[in-house]
Amino acid sequence: TRRFLVFKRRRAPATAVLLTNYHLVVAHEDPSQHDANYGLITRYCPRQRMRQVNLNKKDAEVIMNVTVGEDGVKESFPIVFPAEMEPLLEEWSTPMP
């Protein structure tokens, strides 16, 4: 029935984040709105290329906006976390020198 379609909305795709001393790896499900799902999308970047990290609280979630760059080329992408992760994210959001 159509009345339950409201419960099918995803706030964010399932995501795994790995932070080491030297790298940030973000793997998440394909967030496409269609029935076709193309699997896992992975972003990999050395921490030394992280130019800016901002945390924004929104309702019951924290959005970590990461900007990476090299040689004048920059890319930004958001990562959505539950609000209770904020203390850990503040520690993670410090770029490597």
N, C-alpha and C. Protein backbone atom coordinates (compact mmCIF):
# COMPACT_ATOMS: atom_id res chain seq x y z
N THR A 1 0.84 -1.19 0.00
CA THR A 1 0.00 0.00 0.00
C THR A 1 0.87 1.23 0.00
N ARG A 2 0.32 2.31 -0.50
CA ARG A 2 1.07 3.56 -0.64
C ARG A 2 1.20 4.33 0.67
N ARG A 3 0.38 4.05 1.65
CA ARG A 3 0.42 4.84 2.88
C ARG A 3 1.71 4.65 3.69
N PHE A 4 2.45 3.57 3.45
CA PHE A 4 3.68 3.32 4.20
C PHE A 4 4.94 3.80 3.47
N LEU A 5 4.80 4.45 2.35
CA LEU A 5 5.97 4.92 1.60
C LEU A 5 6.80 5.93 2.39
N VAL A 6 6.20 6.65 3.30
CA VAL A 6 6.94 7.65 4.08
C VAL A 6 8.04 6.98 4.91
N PHE A 7 7.89 5.71 5.29
CA PHE A 7 8.88 5.03 6.11
C PHE A 7 10.06 4.50 5.30
N LYS A 8 10.01 4.58 4.00
CA LYS A 8 11.10 4.09 3.17
C LYS A 8 12.17 5.14 2.92
N ARG A 9 12.00 6.34 3.42
CA ARG A 9 12.97 7.41 3.20
C ARG A 9 14.22 7.17 4.05
N ARG A 10 15.38 7.23 3.42
CA ARG A 10 16.65 7.09 4.14
C ARG A 10 17.20 8.47 4.43
N ARG A 11 17.70 8.67 5.63
CA ARG A 11 18.34 9.94 5.96
C ARG A 11 19.72 10.02 5.34
N ALA A 12 20.41 8.88 5.30
CA ALA A 12 21.74 8.80 4.70
C ALA A 12 22.02 7.34 4.38
N PRO A 13 22.86 7.09 3.39
CA PRO A 13 23.21 5.70 3.09
C PRO A 13 24.06 5.10 4.21
N ALA A 14 24.04 3.78 4.33
CA ALA A 14 24.91 3.10 5.29
C ALA A 14 26.35 3.46 4.96
N THR A 15 27.11 3.87 6.00
CA THR A 15 28.45 4.40 5.79
C THR A 15 29.44 3.80 6.77
N ALA A 16 30.66 3.56 6.31
CA ALA A 16 31.77 3.15 7.17
C ALA A 16 32.89 4.17 6.97
N VAL A 17 33.44 4.66 8.07
CA VAL A 17 34.52 5.65 8.02
C VAL A 17 35.72 5.09 8.76
N LEU A 18 36.87 5.15 8.12
CA LEU A 18 38.11 4.68 8.71
C LEU A 18 39.10 5.83 8.70
N LEU A 19 39.62 6.15 9.87
CA LEU A 19 40.61 7.22 9.98
C LEU A 19 41.86 6.65 10.60
N THR A 20 42.97 6.74 9.87
CA THR A 20 44.25 6.31 10.41
C THR A 20 45.11 7.56 10.61
N ASN A 21 46.34 7.35 11.01
CA ASN A 21 47.24 8.49 11.18
C ASN A 21 47.49 9.22 9.87
N TYR A 22 47.32 8.51 8.74
CA TYR A 22 47.69 9.09 7.46
C TYR A 22 46.57 9.16 6.43
N HIS A 23 45.45 8.44 6.62
CA HIS A 23 44.42 8.37 5.59
C HIS A 23 43.01 8.49 6.16
N LEU A 24 42.11 8.97 5.33
CA LEU A 24 40.68 8.96 5.59
C LEU A 24 40.03 8.13 4.49
N VAL A 25 39.28 7.11 4.88
CA VAL A 25 38.58 6.26 3.92
C VAL A 25 37.10 6.29 4.28
N VAL A 26 36.26 6.64 3.31
CA VAL A 26 34.81 6.68 3.51
C VAL A 26 34.18 5.74 2.48
N ALA A 27 33.46 4.74 2.96
CA ALA A 27 32.77 3.80 2.08
C ALA A 27 31.28 3.87 2.40
N HIS A 28 30.46 4.06 1.38
CA HIS A 28 29.01 4.09 1.62
C HIS A 28 28.25 3.47 0.47
N GLU A 29 27.01 3.07 0.78
CA GLU A 29 26.16 2.50 -0.25
C GLU A 29 25.82 3.55 -1.29
N ASP A 30 25.54 3.11 -2.48
CA ASP A 30 25.10 4.00 -3.54
C ASP A 30 23.79 4.67 -3.11
N PRO A 31 23.76 6.00 -3.03
CA PRO A 31 22.57 6.69 -2.55
C PRO A 31 21.54 7.01 -3.64
N SER A 32 21.58 6.30 -4.76
CA SER A 32 20.67 6.62 -5.85
C SER A 32 19.22 6.46 -5.42
N GLN A 33 18.36 7.27 -5.99
CA GLN A 33 16.95 7.27 -5.65
C GLN A 33 16.18 6.21 -6.41
N HIS A 34 16.78 5.60 -7.37
CA HIS A 34 16.10 4.62 -8.20
C HIS A 34 16.23 3.23 -7.59
N ASP A 35 15.52 2.28 -8.16
CA ASP A 35 15.59 0.91 -7.67
C ASP A 35 16.95 0.29 -7.95
N ALA A 36 17.67 0.80 -8.93
CA ALA A 36 18.99 0.26 -9.25
C ALA A 36 19.99 0.71 -8.18
N ASN A 37 20.75 -0.22 -7.68
CA ASN A 37 21.77 0.10 -6.69
C ASN A 37 23.09 -0.42 -7.24
N TYR A 38 24.09 0.45 -7.29
CA TYR A 38 25.35 0.10 -7.93
C TYR A 38 26.43 -0.30 -6.94
N GLY A 39 26.05 -0.60 -5.71
CA GLY A 39 27.02 -1.13 -4.76
C GLY A 39 27.67 -0.09 -3.88
N LEU A 40 28.93 -0.27 -3.64
CA LEU A 40 29.71 0.52 -2.70
C LEU A 40 30.48 1.63 -3.40
N ILE A 41 30.43 2.81 -2.83
CA ILE A 41 31.22 3.94 -3.33
C ILE A 41 32.26 4.26 -2.26
N THR A 42 33.51 4.33 -2.65
CA THR A 42 34.60 4.53 -1.68
C THR A 42 35.39 5.78 -2.03
N ARG A 43 35.64 6.60 -1.02
CA ARG A 43 36.51 7.78 -1.17
C ARG A 43 37.73 7.54 -0.28
N TYR A 44 38.87 7.80 -0.84
CA TYR A 44 40.14 7.62 -0.15
C TYR A 44 40.94 8.89 -0.28
N CYS A 45 41.45 9.41 0.82
CA CYS A 45 42.32 10.59 0.70
C CYS A 45 43.34 10.59 1.83
N PRO A 46 44.56 10.98 1.51
CA PRO A 46 45.57 11.16 2.55
C PRO A 46 45.16 12.33 3.46
N ARG A 47 45.37 12.19 4.75
CA ARG A 47 44.99 13.26 5.68
C ARG A 47 45.73 14.56 5.40
N GLN A 48 46.92 14.49 4.82
CA GLN A 48 47.67 15.70 4.52
C GLN A 48 46.99 16.53 3.43
N ARG A 49 46.04 15.94 2.69
CA ARG A 49 45.30 16.68 1.67
C ARG A 49 43.97 17.21 2.18
N MET A 50 43.65 16.92 3.44
CA MET A 50 42.43 17.48 4.03
C MET A 50 42.66 18.96 4.31
N ARG A 51 41.92 19.81 3.65
CA ARG A 51 42.10 21.26 3.78
C ARG A 51 41.19 21.87 4.85
N GLN A 52 39.99 21.32 4.98
CA GLN A 52 39.05 21.89 5.93
C GLN A 52 38.04 20.82 6.35
N VAL A 53 37.69 20.83 7.64
CA VAL A 53 36.67 19.93 8.16
C VAL A 53 35.75 20.75 9.05
N ASN A 54 34.46 20.75 8.72
CA ASN A 54 33.46 21.48 9.51
C ASN A 54 32.41 20.52 10.01
N LEU A 55 31.97 20.74 11.25
CA LEU A 55 30.88 19.95 11.83
C LEU A 55 29.65 20.83 11.96
N ASN A 56 28.52 20.35 11.47
CA ASN A 56 27.26 21.07 11.56
C ASN A 56 26.21 20.18 12.19
N LYS A 57 25.59 20.65 13.27
CA LYS A 57 24.51 19.88 13.90
C LYS A 57 23.20 20.21 13.20
N LYS A 58 22.42 19.15 12.95
CA LYS A 58 21.11 19.32 12.33
C LYS A 58 20.19 18.25 12.90
N ASP A 59 19.24 18.67 13.72
CA ASP A 59 18.29 17.75 14.35
C ASP A 59 19.05 16.66 15.12
N ALA A 60 18.84 15.41 14.77
CA ALA A 60 19.45 14.28 15.49
C ALA A 60 20.70 13.77 14.79
N GLU A 61 21.36 14.63 14.00
CA GLU A 61 22.53 14.18 13.28
C GLU A 61 23.60 15.27 13.24
N VAL A 62 24.82 14.85 12.97
CA VAL A 62 25.95 15.76 12.79
C VAL A 62 26.47 15.52 11.38
N ILE A 63 26.65 16.58 10.63
CA ILE A 63 27.16 16.48 9.27
C ILE A 63 28.60 16.98 9.27
N MET A 64 29.50 16.09 8.88
CA MET A 64 30.92 16.45 8.78
C MET A 64 31.20 16.76 7.31
N ASN A 65 31.49 18.03 7.02
CA ASN A 65 31.83 18.45 5.67
C ASN A 65 33.35 18.46 5.54
N VAL A 66 33.85 17.63 4.66
CA VAL A 66 35.29 17.47 4.47
C VAL A 66 35.68 18.09 3.13
N THR A 67 36.69 18.95 3.15
CA THR A 67 37.23 19.52 1.91
C THR A 67 38.66 19.02 1.76
N VAL A 68 38.92 18.37 0.62
CA VAL A 68 40.26 17.89 0.32
C VAL A 68 40.76 18.63 -0.92
N GLY A 69 42.07 18.74 -1.05
CA GLY A 69 42.59 19.46 -2.20
C GLY A 69 44.06 19.22 -2.43
N GLU A 70 44.46 19.54 -3.65
CA GLU A 70 45.86 19.43 -4.06
C GLU A 70 46.05 20.29 -5.30
N ASP A 71 47.09 21.10 -5.34
CA ASP A 71 47.43 21.92 -6.50
C ASP A 71 46.27 22.79 -6.98
N GLY A 72 45.55 23.41 -6.05
CA GLY A 72 44.46 24.32 -6.42
C GLY A 72 43.15 23.66 -6.77
N VAL A 73 43.09 22.33 -6.76
CA VAL A 73 41.84 21.61 -7.04
C VAL A 73 41.27 21.14 -5.71
N LYS A 74 40.00 21.49 -5.44
CA LYS A 74 39.36 21.12 -4.18
C LYS A 74 38.07 20.38 -4.44
N GLU A 75 37.73 19.49 -3.52
CA GLU A 75 36.46 18.79 -3.55
C GLU A 75 35.94 18.71 -2.13
N SER A 76 34.65 18.93 -1.96
CA SER A 76 34.02 18.82 -0.65
C SER A 76 32.95 17.74 -0.70
N PHE A 77 32.80 17.03 0.42
CA PHE A 77 31.75 16.03 0.51
C PHE A 77 31.28 15.92 1.96
N PRO A 78 29.98 15.67 2.14
CA PRO A 78 29.43 15.52 3.49
C PRO A 78 29.41 14.06 3.93
N ILE A 79 29.53 13.86 5.24
CA ILE A 79 29.37 12.54 5.84
C ILE A 79 28.40 12.73 7.01
N VAL A 80 27.32 11.96 7.04
CA VAL A 80 26.27 12.11 8.05
C VAL A 80 26.49 11.09 9.17
N PHE A 81 26.44 11.59 10.42
CA PHE A 81 26.61 10.75 11.61
C PHE A 81 25.47 11.01 12.59
N PRO A 82 25.20 10.07 13.49
CA PRO A 82 24.26 10.32 14.58
C PRO A 82 24.84 11.38 15.53
N ALA A 83 23.97 12.14 16.18
CA ALA A 83 24.41 13.25 17.04
C ALA A 83 25.34 12.81 18.17
N GLU A 84 25.17 11.60 18.68
CA GLU A 84 26.01 11.16 19.80
C GLU A 84 27.47 10.95 19.41
N MET A 85 27.78 10.99 18.13
CA MET A 85 29.16 10.84 17.66
C MET A 85 29.94 12.16 17.68
N GLU A 86 29.30 13.26 17.99
CA GLU A 86 29.94 14.57 17.89
C GLU A 86 31.26 14.69 18.66
N PRO A 87 31.37 14.22 19.92
CA PRO A 87 32.66 14.36 20.63
C PRO A 87 33.81 13.65 19.90
N LEU A 88 33.56 12.47 19.36
CA LEU A 88 34.59 11.76 18.61
C LEU A 88 34.93 12.48 17.32
N LEU A 89 33.92 13.03 16.66
CA LEU A 89 34.15 13.72 15.39
C LEU A 89 34.97 14.99 15.58
N GLU A 90 34.79 15.67 16.70
CA GLU A 90 35.60 16.86 16.97
C GLU A 90 37.08 16.50 17.06
N GLU A 91 37.35 15.34 17.64
CA GLU A 91 38.73 14.87 17.72
C GLU A 91 39.26 14.49 16.34
N TRP A 92 38.40 13.86 15.52
CA TRP A 92 38.79 13.42 14.18
C TRP A 92 38.97 14.58 13.22
N SER A 93 38.31 15.68 13.47
CA SER A 93 38.26 16.74 12.46
C SER A 93 39.53 17.57 12.36
N THR A 94 40.55 17.22 13.10
CA THR A 94 41.81 17.95 13.03
C THR A 94 42.67 17.38 11.91
N PRO A 95 42.92 18.17 10.84
CA PRO A 95 43.77 17.69 9.75
C PRO A 95 45.20 17.48 10.21
N MET A 96 45.90 16.60 9.53
CA MET A 96 47.31 16.37 9.82
C MET A 96 48.13 17.53 9.24
N PRO A 97 49.21 17.90 9.90
CA PRO A 97 50.07 18.99 9.37
C PRO A 97 50.80 18.55 8.12
